[in-house]
């Protein structure tokens, strides 16, 4: 269960949210367009970041651009 300590992991990179127009899920409550987020873990499809609720969460890469 390595995901339990992701919040304390070093930041891999910084990304910026470019939109919150999700087709299936409501992400505009936990992401802010234009805000920068620290990536704690990454897979092929998802970034795992600390969102606006101060919890670690996974989001599709389509919402972000790398800085």
PDB file of N, CA and C in Angstrom:
ATOM      1  N   UNK A   1       0.818  -1.185   0.000  1.00  0.00           N
ATOM      2  CA  UNK A   1       0.000   0.000   0.000  1.00  0.00           C
ATOM      3  C   UNK A   1       0.862   1.248   0.000  1.00  0.00           C
ATOM      4  N   UNK A   2       1.585   1.424  -1.088  1.00  0.00           N
ATOM      5  CA  UNK A   2       2.495   2.556  -1.168  1.00  0.00           C
ATOM      6  C   UNK A   2       1.774   3.884  -1.302  1.00  0.00           C
ATOM      7  N   UNK A   3       0.495   3.869  -1.686  1.00  0.00           N
ATOM      8  CA  UNK A   3      -0.245   5.113  -1.859  1.00  0.00           C
ATOM      9  C   UNK A   3      -0.502   5.825  -0.531  1.00  0.00           C
ATOM     10  N   UNK A   4      -0.328   5.155   0.579  1.00  0.00           N
ATOM     11  CA  UNK A   4      -0.602   5.778   1.880  1.00  0.00           C
ATOM     12  C   UNK A   4       0.410   6.850   2.255  1.00  0.00           C
ATOM     13  N   UNK A   5       1.602   6.805   1.687  1.00  0.00           N
ATOM     14  CA  UNK A   5       2.602   7.816   2.029  1.00  0.00           C
ATOM     15  C   UNK A   5       2.950   8.721   0.848  1.00  0.00           C
ATOM     16  N   UNK A   6       2.135   8.746  -0.196  1.00  0.00           N
ATOM     17  CA  UNK A   6       2.390   9.618  -1.341  1.00  0.00           C
ATOM     18  C   UNK A   6       2.367  11.091  -0.963  1.00  0.00           C
ATOM     19  N   UNK A   7       1.549  11.479  -0.010  1.00  0.00           N
ATOM     20  CA  UNK A   7       1.468  12.890   0.373  1.00  0.00           C
ATOM     21  C   UNK A   7       2.803  13.414   0.884  1.00  0.00           C
ATOM     22  N   UNK A   8       3.610  12.557   1.475  1.00  0.00           N
ATOM     23  CA  UNK A   8       4.899  12.990   2.001  1.00  0.00           C
ATOM     24  C   UNK A   8       6.050  12.746   1.014  1.00  0.00           C
ATOM     25  N   UNK A   9       5.771  12.175  -0.146  1.00  0.00           N
ATOM     26  CA  UNK A   9       6.803  11.962  -1.164  1.00  0.00           C
ATOM     27  C   UNK A   9       7.328  13.288  -1.695  1.00  0.00           C
ATOM     28  N   UNK A  10       8.525  13.243  -2.245  1.00  0.00           N
ATOM     29  CA  UNK A  10       9.075  14.416  -2.910  1.00  0.00           C
ATOM     30  C   UNK A  10       8.256  14.724  -4.159  1.00  0.00           C
ATOM     31  N   UNK A  11       8.246  15.983  -4.535  1.00  0.00           N
ATOM     32  CA  UNK A  11       7.542  16.399  -5.735  1.00  0.00           C
ATOM     33  C   UNK A  11       8.331  15.971  -6.965  1.00  0.00           C
ATOM     34  N   UNK A  12       7.669  15.300  -7.912  1.00  0.00           N
ATOM     35  CA  UNK A  12       8.317  14.848  -9.147  1.00  0.00           C
ATOM     36  C   UNK A  12       8.455  16.002 -10.121  1.00  0.00           C
ATOM     37  N   UNK A  13       7.354  16.748 -10.309  1.00  0.00           N
ATOM     38  CA  UNK A  13       7.337  17.910 -11.199  1.00  0.00           C
ATOM     39  C   UNK A  13       6.145  18.773 -10.848  1.00  0.00           C
ATOM     40  N   UNK A  14       6.065  19.917 -11.482  1.00  0.00           N
ATOM     41  CA  UNK A  14       4.965  20.846 -11.258  1.00  0.00           C
ATOM     42  C   UNK A  14       4.152  20.923 -12.544  1.00  0.00           C
ATOM     43  N   UNK A  15       2.821  20.877 -12.392  1.00  0.00           N
ATOM     44  CA  UNK A  15       1.926  20.968 -13.534  1.00  0.00           C
ATOM     45  C   UNK A  15       0.915  22.072 -13.284  1.00  0.00           C
ATOM     46  N   UNK A  16       0.293  22.533 -14.358  1.00  0.00           N
ATOM     47  CA  UNK A  16      -0.730  23.566 -14.248  1.00  0.00           C
ATOM     48  C   UNK A  16      -2.037  23.028 -14.801  1.00  0.00           C
ATOM     49  N   UNK A  17      -3.116  23.268 -14.100  1.00  0.00           N
ATOM     50  CA  UNK A  17      -4.445  22.854 -14.548  1.00  0.00           C
ATOM     51  C   UNK A  17      -4.910  23.823 -15.634  1.00  0.00           C
ATOM     52  N   UNK A  18      -5.289  23.294 -16.799  1.00  0.00           N
ATOM     53  CA  UNK A  18      -5.713  24.153 -17.901  1.00  0.00           C
ATOM     54  C   UNK A  18      -7.233  24.225 -18.050  1.00  0.00           C
ATOM     55  N   UNK A  19      -7.951  23.201 -17.573  1.00  0.00           N
ATOM     56  CA  UNK A  19      -9.413  23.245 -17.604  1.00  0.00           C
ATOM     57  C   UNK A  19      -9.977  22.226 -16.615  1.00  0.00           C
ATOM     58  N   UNK A  20     -11.242  22.410 -16.303  1.00  0.00           N
ATOM     59  CA  UNK A  20     -11.945  21.470 -15.413  1.00  0.00           C
ATOM     60  C   UNK A  20     -13.227  20.977 -16.072  1.00  0.00           C
ATOM     61  N   UNK A  21     -13.227  20.899 -17.390  1.00  0.00           N
ATOM     62  CA  UNK A  21     -14.398  20.458 -18.140  1.00  0.00           C
ATOM     63  C   UNK A  21     -14.387  18.947 -18.277  1.00  0.00           C
ATOM     64  N   UNK A  22     -14.827  18.265 -17.256  1.00  0.00           N
ATOM     65  CA  UNK A  22     -14.844  16.807 -17.258  1.00  0.00           C
ATOM     66  C   UNK A  22     -16.125  16.308 -17.911  1.00  0.00           C
ATOM     67  N   UNK A  23     -16.002  15.217 -18.665  1.00  0.00           N
ATOM     68  CA  UNK A  23     -17.171  14.637 -19.323  1.00  0.00           C
ATOM     69  C   UNK A  23     -17.985  13.783 -18.369  1.00  0.00           C
ATOM     70  N   UNK A  24     -17.314  13.093 -17.468  1.00  0.00           N
ATOM     71  CA  UNK A  24     -18.000  12.108 -16.641  1.00  0.00           C
ATOM     72  C   UNK A  24     -18.027  12.472 -15.153  1.00  0.00           C
ATOM     73  N   UNK A  25     -16.966  13.078 -14.647  1.00  0.00           N
ATOM     74  CA  UNK A  25     -16.856  13.350 -13.219  1.00  0.00           C
ATOM     75  C   UNK A  25     -16.852  14.846 -12.963  1.00  0.00           C
ATOM     76  N   UNK A  26     -17.186  15.228 -11.763  1.00  0.00           N
ATOM     77  CA  UNK A  26     -17.188  16.640 -11.377  1.00  0.00           C
ATOM     78  C   UNK A  26     -15.858  16.967 -10.721  1.00  0.00           C
ATOM     79  N   UNK A  27     -14.993  17.660 -11.427  1.00  0.00           N
ATOM     80  CA  UNK A  27     -13.670  17.980 -10.892  1.00  0.00           C
ATOM     81  C   UNK A  27     -13.493  19.456 -10.579  1.00  0.00           C
ATOM     82  N   UNK A  28     -14.456  20.291 -10.950  1.00  0.00           N
ATOM     83  CA  UNK A  28     -14.279  21.725 -10.717  1.00  0.00           C
ATOM     84  C   UNK A  28     -14.352  22.102  -9.242  1.00  0.00           C
ATOM     85  N   UNK A  29     -14.784  21.182  -8.370  1.00  0.00           N
ATOM     86  CA  UNK A  29     -14.767  21.451  -6.928  1.00  0.00           C
ATOM     87  C   UNK A  29     -13.395  21.210  -6.307  1.00  0.00           C
ATOM     88  N   UNK A  30     -12.576  20.387  -6.950  1.00  0.00           N
ATOM     89  CA  UNK A  30     -11.282  20.017  -6.363  1.00  0.00           C
ATOM     90  C   UNK A  30     -10.089  20.502  -7.168  1.00  0.00           C
ATOM     91  N   UNK A  31     -10.325  21.021  -8.374  1.00  0.00           N
ATOM     92  CA  UNK A  31      -9.257  21.599  -9.196  1.00  0.00           C
ATOM     93  C   UNK A  31      -9.636  23.027  -9.563  1.00  0.00           C
ATOM     94  N   UNK A  32      -8.619  23.857  -9.753  1.00  0.00           N
ATOM     95  CA  UNK A  32      -8.819  25.234 -10.174  1.00  0.00           C
ATOM     96  C   UNK A  32      -8.013  25.470 -11.429  1.00  0.00           C
ATOM     97  N   UNK A  33      -8.674  25.894 -12.502  1.00  0.00           N
ATOM     98  CA  UNK A  33      -7.978  26.192 -13.751  1.00  0.00           C
ATOM     99  C   UNK A  33      -6.993  27.332 -13.524  1.00  0.00           C
ATOM    100  N   UNK A  34      -5.774  27.159 -13.999  1.00  0.00           N
ATOM    101  CA  UNK A  34      -4.729  28.159 -13.838  1.00  0.00           C
ATOM    102  C   UNK A  34      -3.852  27.959 -12.615  1.00  0.00           C
ATOM    103  N   UNK A  35      -4.223  27.066 -11.730  1.00  0.00           N
ATOM    104  CA  UNK A  35      -3.447  26.817 -10.513  1.00  0.00           C
ATOM    105  C   UNK A  35      -2.385  25.752 -10.772  1.00  0.00           C
ATOM    106  N   UNK A  36      -1.246  25.895 -10.104  1.00  0.00           N
ATOM    107  CA  UNK A  36      -0.160  24.930 -10.229  1.00  0.00           C
ATOM    108  C   UNK A  36      -0.256  23.899  -9.109  1.00  0.00           C
ATOM    109  N   UNK A  37       0.032  22.639  -9.457  1.00  0.00           N
ATOM    110  CA  UNK A  37      -0.033  21.534  -8.502  1.00  0.00           C
ATOM    111  C   UNK A  37       1.265  20.741  -8.548  1.00  0.00           C
ATOM    112  N   UNK A  38       1.660  20.197  -7.414  1.00  0.00           N
ATOM    113  CA  UNK A  38       2.850  19.348  -7.313  1.00  0.00           C
ATOM    114  C   UNK A  38       2.456  17.900  -7.573  1.00  0.00           C
ATOM    115  N   UNK A  39       3.178  17.248  -8.485  1.00  0.00           N
ATOM    116  CA  UNK A  39       2.911  15.848  -8.798  1.00  0.00           C
ATOM    117  C   UNK A  39       3.673  14.975  -7.813  1.00  0.00           C
ATOM    118  N   UNK A  40       2.957  14.093  -7.138  1.00  0.00           N
ATOM    119  CA  UNK A  40       3.555  13.183  -6.165  1.00  0.00           C
ATOM    120  C   UNK A  40       3.808  11.805  -6.757  1.00  0.00           C
ATOM    121  N   UNK A  41       3.010  11.411  -7.757  1.00  0.00           N
ATOM    122  CA  UNK A  41       3.203  10.146  -8.461  1.00  0.00           C
ATOM    123  C   UNK A  41       2.552  10.279  -9.830  1.00  0.00           C
ATOM    124  N   UNK A  42       2.964   9.425 -10.769  1.00  0.00           N
ATOM    125  CA  UNK A  42       2.467   9.528 -12.128  1.00  0.00           C
ATOM    126  C   UNK A  42       2.379   8.140 -12.749  1.00  0.00           C
ATOM    127  N   UNK A  43       1.319   7.921 -13.530  1.00  0.00           N
ATOM    128  CA  UNK A  43       1.193   6.715 -14.344  1.00  0.00           C
ATOM    129  C   UNK A  43       1.041   7.155 -15.792  1.00  0.00           C
ATOM    130  N   UNK A  44       0.760   6.215 -16.677  1.00  0.00           N
ATOM    131  CA  UNK A  44       0.594   6.568 -18.089  1.00  0.00           C
ATOM    132  C   UNK A  44      -0.594   7.490 -18.329  1.00  0.00           C
ATOM    133  N   UNK A  45      -1.656   7.326 -17.556  1.00  0.00           N
ATOM    134  CA  UNK A  45      -2.880   8.092 -17.772  1.00  0.00           C
ATOM    135  C   UNK A  45      -3.170   9.151 -16.713  1.00  0.00           C
ATOM    136  N   UNK A  46      -2.578   9.024 -15.527  1.00  0.00           N
ATOM    137  CA  UNK A  46      -2.968   9.873 -14.403  1.00  0.00           C
ATOM    138  C   UNK A  46      -1.781  10.567 -13.748  1.00  0.00           C
ATOM    139  N   UNK A  47      -2.078  11.769 -13.205  1.00  0.00           N
ATOM    140  CA  UNK A  47      -1.199  12.447 -12.265  1.00  0.00           C
ATOM    141  C   UNK A  47      -1.828  12.305 -10.889  1.00  0.00           C
ATOM    142  N   UNK A  48      -1.031  12.044  -9.882  1.00  0.00           N
ATOM    143  CA  UNK A  48      -1.500  12.003  -8.505  1.00  0.00           C
ATOM    144  C   UNK A  48      -0.967  13.242  -7.811  1.00  0.00           C
ATOM    145  N   UNK A  49      -1.879  14.116  -7.429  1.00  0.00           N
ATOM    146  CA  UNK A  49      -1.524  15.426  -6.882  1.00  0.00           C
ATOM    147  C   UNK A  49      -2.259  15.639  -5.568  1.00  0.00           C
ATOM    148  N   UNK A  50      -1.860  16.670  -4.850  1.00  0.00           N
ATOM    149  CA  UNK A  50      -2.624  17.123  -3.696  1.00  0.00           C
ATOM    150  C   UNK A  50      -3.567  18.205  -4.212  1.00  0.00           C
ATOM    151  N   UNK A  51      -4.865  17.903  -4.201  1.00  0.00           N
ATOM    152  CA  UNK A  51      -5.853  18.805  -4.796  1.00  0.00           C
ATOM    153  C   UNK A  51      -6.285  19.895  -3.815  1.00  0.00           C
ATOM    154  N   UNK A  52      -7.344  20.610  -4.150  1.00  0.00           N
ATOM    155  CA  UNK A  52      -7.800  21.734  -3.327  1.00  0.00           C
ATOM    156  C   UNK A  52      -8.344  21.306  -1.967  1.00  0.00           C
ATOM    157  N   UNK A  53      -8.608  20.021  -1.780  1.00  0.00           N
ATOM    158  CA  UNK A  53      -9.081  19.534  -0.483  1.00  0.00           C
ATOM    159  C   UNK A  53      -7.919  19.098   0.410  1.00  0.00           C
ATOM    160  N   UNK A  54      -6.687  19.303  -0.061  1.00  0.00           N
ATOM    161  CA  UNK A  54      -5.453  18.918   0.635  1.00  0.00           C
ATOM    162  C   UNK A  54      -5.333  17.413   0.830  1.00  0.00           C
ATOM    163  N   UNK A  55      -5.919  16.655  -0.072  1.00  0.00           N
ATOM    164  CA  UNK A  55      -5.805  15.195  -0.077  1.00  0.00           C
ATOM    165  C   UNK A  55      -5.188  14.767  -1.398  1.00  0.00           C
ATOM    166  N   UNK A  56      -4.537  13.623  -1.406  1.00  0.00           N
ATOM    167  CA  UNK A  56      -3.945  13.105  -2.633  1.00  0.00           C
ATOM    168  C   UNK A  56      -5.068  12.526  -3.496  1.00  0.00           C
ATOM    169  N   UNK A  57      -5.029  12.807  -4.793  1.00  0.00           N
ATOM    170  CA  UNK A  57      -6.059  12.308  -5.706  1.00  0.00           C
ATOM    171  C   UNK A  57      -5.441  12.140  -7.086  1.00  0.00           C
ATOM    172  N   UNK A  58      -6.018  11.253  -7.866  1.00  0.00           N
ATOM    173  CA  UNK A  58      -5.547  10.998  -9.218  1.00  0.00           C
ATOM    174  C   UNK A  58      -6.464  11.645 -10.237  1.00  0.00           C
ATOM    175  N   UNK A  59      -5.867  12.328 -11.209  1.00  0.00           N
ATOM    176  CA  UNK A  59      -6.630  12.994 -12.263  1.00  0.00           C
ATOM    177  C   UNK A  59      -6.004  12.676 -13.616  1.00  0.00           C
ATOM    178  N   UNK A  60      -6.845  12.583 -14.635  1.00  0.00           N
ATOM    179  CA  UNK A  60      -6.361  12.334 -15.990  1.00  0.00           C
ATOM    180  C   UNK A  60      -5.416  13.458 -16.427  1.00  0.00           C
ATOM    181  N   UNK A  61      -4.467  13.100 -17.247  1.00  0.00           N
ATOM    182  CA  UNK A  61      -3.467  14.067 -17.696  1.00  0.00           C
ATOM    183  C   UNK A  61      -4.038  15.136 -18.617  1.00  0.00           C
ATOM    184  N   UNK A  62      -5.230  14.910 -19.154  1.00  0.00           N
ATOM    185  CA  UNK A  62      -5.820  15.859 -20.093  1.00  0.00           C
ATOM    186  C   UNK A  62      -6.174  17.196 -19.456  1.00  0.00           C
ATOM    187  N   UNK A  63      -6.238  17.267 -18.133  1.00  0.00           N
ATOM    188  CA  UNK A  63      -6.566  18.516 -17.447  1.00  0.00           C
ATOM    189  C   UNK A  63      -5.358  19.413 -17.214  1.00  0.00           C
ATOM    190  N   UNK A  64      -4.151  18.941 -17.525  1.00  0.00           N
ATOM    191  CA  UNK A  64      -2.927  19.632 -17.119  1.00  0.00           C
ATOM    192  C   UNK A  64      -1.940  19.810 -18.263  1.00  0.00           C
ATOM    193  N   UNK A  65      -1.019  20.750 -18.071  1.00  0.00           N
ATOM    194  CA  UNK A  65       0.178  20.887 -18.900  1.00  0.00           C
ATOM    195  C   UNK A  65       1.375  20.941 -17.963  1.00  0.00           C
ATOM    196  N   UNK A  66       2.480  20.386 -18.419  1.00  0.00           N
ATOM    197  CA  UNK A  66       3.701  20.413 -17.614  1.00  0.00           C
ATOM    198  C   UNK A  66       4.359  21.775 -17.730  1.00  0.00           C
ATOM    199  N   UNK A  67       4.905  22.234 -16.645  1.00  0.00           N
ATOM    200  CA  UNK A  67       5.615  23.526 -16.638  1.00  0.00           C
ATOM    201  C   UNK A  67       7.094  23.323 -16.793  1.00  0.00           C
TER     202      UNK A  67
END
